[in-house]
Amino acid sequence: MPADARGRAKFPPIETAAERRKRLVRNRKARQLYPPAHHRRRRQFAARIERGEEIKCPRCGQVIGADQFWDLGHDDYDPAIERPEHRSCNRSAPNRLPKSREW
């Protein structure tokens, strides 16, 4: 443990039972929304984008550059299909498309 200015060790605050339950529920929801397969596909696409492969955003048709922010988005009609999209394109999709699925 790192010591503070007086030389005493700092210990993390004790987590209450209610805080622990809240944290575990939050983590479970995140795992349900983004399972390990999602993270694996994201790492695979990240490696391809870093190598300089031309991967086009399916929403705007522009190439996703290594210096741009991107998300692994879902297809509007088939949620099982995941593909890289510009972050702005992915997050504005429900507002743009009339038949976008409901969240």
C-alpha atoms as a PDB file:
ATOM      1  CA  MET A   1       0.000   0.000   0.000  1.00  0.00           C
ATOM      2  CA  PRO A   2       1.292   3.496  -0.754  1.00  0.00           C
ATOM      3  CA  ALA A   3       1.988   5.662   2.246  1.00  0.00           C
ATOM      4  CA  ASP A   4       0.463   9.084   2.757  1.00  0.00           C
ATOM      5  CA  ALA A   5       2.394  12.206   3.814  1.00  0.00           C
ATOM      6  CA  ARG A   6       2.667  11.016   7.424  1.00  0.00           C
ATOM      7  CA  GLY A   7       4.100   7.629   6.468  1.00  0.00           C
ATOM      8  CA  ARG A   8       0.990   5.615   7.288  1.00  0.00           C
ATOM      9  CA  ALA A   9      -0.384   3.099   4.823  1.00  0.00           C
ATOM     10  CA  LYS A  10      -3.606   4.070   3.046  1.00  0.00           C
ATOM     11  CA  PHE A  11      -6.293   1.437   2.904  1.00  0.00           C
ATOM     12  CA  PRO A  12      -9.246   1.509   0.518  1.00  0.00           C
ATOM     13  CA  PRO A  13     -12.601   2.405   2.067  1.00  0.00           C
ATOM     14  CA  ILE A  14     -14.674  -0.543   3.217  1.00  0.00           C
ATOM     15  CA  GLU A  15     -17.448  -1.390   0.778  1.00  0.00           C
ATOM     16  CA  THR A  16     -20.896  -1.770   2.324  1.00  0.00           C
ATOM     17  CA  ALA A  17     -23.145  -4.707   1.431  1.00  0.00           C
ATOM     18  CA  ALA A  18     -25.513  -2.406  -0.464  1.00  0.00           C
ATOM     19  CA  GLU A  19     -22.661  -0.931  -2.513  1.00  0.00           C
ATOM     20  CA  ARG A  20     -21.358  -4.416  -3.303  1.00  0.00           C
ATOM     21  CA  ARG A  21     -24.799  -5.587  -4.485  1.00  0.00           C
ATOM     22  CA  LYS A  22     -25.157  -2.486  -6.678  1.00  0.00           C
ATOM     23  CA  ARG A  23     -21.695  -3.064  -8.209  1.00  0.00           C
ATOM     24  CA  LEU A  24     -22.400  -6.735  -8.914  1.00  0.00           C
ATOM     25  CA  VAL A  25     -25.749  -5.970 -10.564  1.00  0.00           C
ATOM     26  CA  ARG A  26     -24.105  -3.314 -12.737  1.00  0.00           C
ATOM     27  CA  ASN A  27     -21.360  -5.747 -13.796  1.00  0.00           C
ATOM     28  CA  ARG A  28     -23.926  -8.470 -14.597  1.00  0.00           C
ATOM     29  CA  LYS A  29     -25.873  -6.095 -16.837  1.00  0.00           C
ATOM     30  CA  ALA A  30     -22.684  -5.125 -18.671  1.00  0.00           C
ATOM     31  CA  ARG A  31     -21.784  -8.794 -19.205  1.00  0.00           C
ATOM     32  CA  GLN A  32     -25.260  -9.491 -20.596  1.00  0.00           C
ATOM     33  CA  LEU A  33     -25.110  -6.558 -23.019  1.00  0.00           C
ATOM     34  CA  TYR A  34     -21.496  -7.112 -24.072  1.00  0.00           C
ATOM     35  CA  PRO A  35     -20.486 -10.769 -23.604  1.00  0.00           C
ATOM     36  CA  PRO A  36     -16.912 -12.021 -24.111  1.00  0.00           C
ATOM     37  CA  ALA A  37     -17.597 -12.767 -27.795  1.00  0.00           C
ATOM     38  CA  HIS A  38     -18.375  -9.067 -28.337  1.00  0.00           C
ATOM     39  CA  HIS A  39     -15.052  -8.042 -26.773  1.00  0.00           C
ATOM     40  CA  ARG A  40     -13.204 -10.657 -28.843  1.00  0.00           C
ATOM     41  CA  ARG A  41     -14.705  -9.349 -32.112  1.00  0.00           C
ATOM     42  CA  ARG A  42     -13.871  -5.785 -31.087  1.00  0.00           C
ATOM     43  CA  ARG A  43     -10.216  -6.734 -30.470  1.00  0.00           C
ATOM     44  CA  GLN A  44     -10.086  -8.469 -33.875  1.00  0.00           C
ATOM     45  CA  PHE A  45     -11.461  -5.422 -35.681  1.00  0.00           C
ATOM     46  CA  ALA A  46      -9.176  -3.115 -33.675  1.00  0.00           C
ATOM     47  CA  ALA A  47      -6.139  -5.075 -34.862  1.00  0.00           C
ATOM     48  CA  ARG A  48      -7.323  -4.856 -38.477  1.00  0.00           C
ATOM     49  CA  ILE A  49      -7.934  -1.109 -38.222  1.00  0.00           C
ATOM     50  CA  GLU A  50      -4.514  -0.536 -36.604  1.00  0.00           C
ATOM     51  CA  ARG A  51      -2.856  -2.498 -39.449  1.00  0.00           C
ATOM     52  CA  GLY A  52      -4.377  -0.007 -41.869  1.00  0.00           C
ATOM     53  CA  GLU A  53      -6.998  -2.193 -43.530  1.00  0.00           C
ATOM     54  CA  GLU A  54      -9.751  -0.186 -45.169  1.00  0.00           C
ATOM     55  CA  ILE A  55     -12.879  -0.982 -43.192  1.00  0.00           C
ATOM     56  CA  LYS A  56     -15.828   1.136 -44.209  1.00  0.00           C
ATOM     57  CA  CYS A  57     -18.517   2.325 -41.862  1.00  0.00           C
ATOM     58  CA  PRO A  58     -21.771   0.744 -43.121  1.00  0.00           C
ATOM     59  CA  ARG A  59     -23.794   3.787 -42.072  1.00  0.00           C
ATOM     60  CA  CYS A  60     -21.874   6.582 -43.825  1.00  0.00           C
ATOM     61  CA  GLY A  61     -19.630   4.656 -46.255  1.00  0.00           C
ATOM     62  CA  GLN A  62     -16.414   6.387 -45.098  1.00  0.00           C
ATOM     63  CA  VAL A  63     -13.273   4.467 -44.126  1.00  0.00           C
ATOM     64  CA  ILE A  64     -12.636   4.132 -40.385  1.00  0.00           C
ATOM     65  CA  GLY A  65      -9.155   5.477 -39.667  1.00  0.00           C
ATOM     66  CA  ALA A  66      -6.800   4.286 -36.940  1.00  0.00           C
ATOM     67  CA  ASP A  67      -7.009   7.718 -35.277  1.00  0.00           C
ATOM     68  CA  GLN A  68     -10.829   7.805 -35.198  1.00  0.00           C
ATOM     69  CA  PHE A  69     -13.179   6.661 -32.465  1.00  0.00           C
ATOM     70  CA  TRP A  70     -15.372   3.706 -33.401  1.00  0.00           C
ATOM     71  CA  ASP A  71     -17.901   1.322 -31.868  1.00  0.00           C
ATOM     72  CA  LEU A  72     -18.814  -2.234 -32.671  1.00  0.00           C
ATOM     73  CA  GLY A  73     -22.378  -1.591 -33.757  1.00  0.00           C
ATOM     74  CA  HIS A  74     -25.308  -3.872 -34.472  1.00  0.00           C
ATOM     75  CA  ASP A  75     -27.215  -4.153 -37.702  1.00  0.00           C
ATOM     76  CA  ASP A  76     -30.635  -2.479 -37.502  1.00  0.00           C
ATOM     77  CA  TYR A  77     -32.498  -5.471 -38.874  1.00  0.00           C
ATOM     78  CA  ASP A  78     -30.391  -8.365 -37.537  1.00  0.00           C
ATOM     79  CA  PRO A  79     -28.906  -7.663 -34.069  1.00  0.00           C
ATOM     80  CA  ALA A  80     -26.654 -10.740 -34.350  1.00  0.00           C
ATOM     81  CA  ILE A  81     -24.556  -8.943 -36.982  1.00  0.00           C
ATOM     82  CA  GLU A  82     -21.883  -6.740 -35.433  1.00  0.00           C
ATOM     83  CA  ARG A  83     -19.600  -4.496 -37.462  1.00  0.00           C
ATOM     84  CA  PRO A  84     -17.386  -1.488 -36.790  1.00  0.00           C
ATOM     85  CA  GLU A  85     -18.981   1.921 -37.210  1.00  0.00           C
ATOM     86  CA  HIS A  86     -17.867   5.450 -36.498  1.00  0.00           C
ATOM     87  CA  ARG A  87     -18.845   6.310 -32.944  1.00  0.00           C
ATOM     88  CA  SER A  88     -20.945   9.259 -34.087  1.00  0.00           C
ATOM     89  CA  CYS A  89     -22.711   7.175 -36.749  1.00  0.00           C
ATOM     90  CA  ASN A  90     -23.464   4.362 -34.310  1.00  0.00           C
ATOM     91  CA  ARG A  91     -24.777   6.571 -31.538  1.00  0.00           C
ATOM     92  CA  SER A  92     -26.950   8.719 -33.797  1.00  0.00           C
ATOM     93  CA  ALA A  93     -28.507   5.755 -35.647  1.00  0.00           C
ATOM     94  CA  PRO A  94     -31.734   5.528 -33.605  1.00  0.00           C
ATOM     95  CA  ASN A  95     -32.437   9.177 -34.436  1.00  0.00           C
ATOM     96  CA  ARG A  96     -31.756   8.844 -38.158  1.00  0.00           C
ATOM     97  CA  LEU A  97     -33.345   5.623 -39.309  1.00  0.00           C
ATOM     98  CA  PRO A  98     -37.136   5.302 -39.178  1.00  0.00           C
ATOM     99  CA  LYS A  99     -37.012   1.498 -38.782  1.00  0.00           C
ATOM    100  CA  SER A 100     -34.208   1.322 -36.237  1.00  0.00           C
ATOM    101  CA  ARG A 101     -34.907  -1.190 -33.499  1.00  0.00           C
ATOM    102  CA  GLU A 102     -36.079  -0.021 -30.108  1.00  0.00           C
ATOM    103  CA  TRP A 103     -33.655  -0.086 -27.167  1.00  0.00           C
END
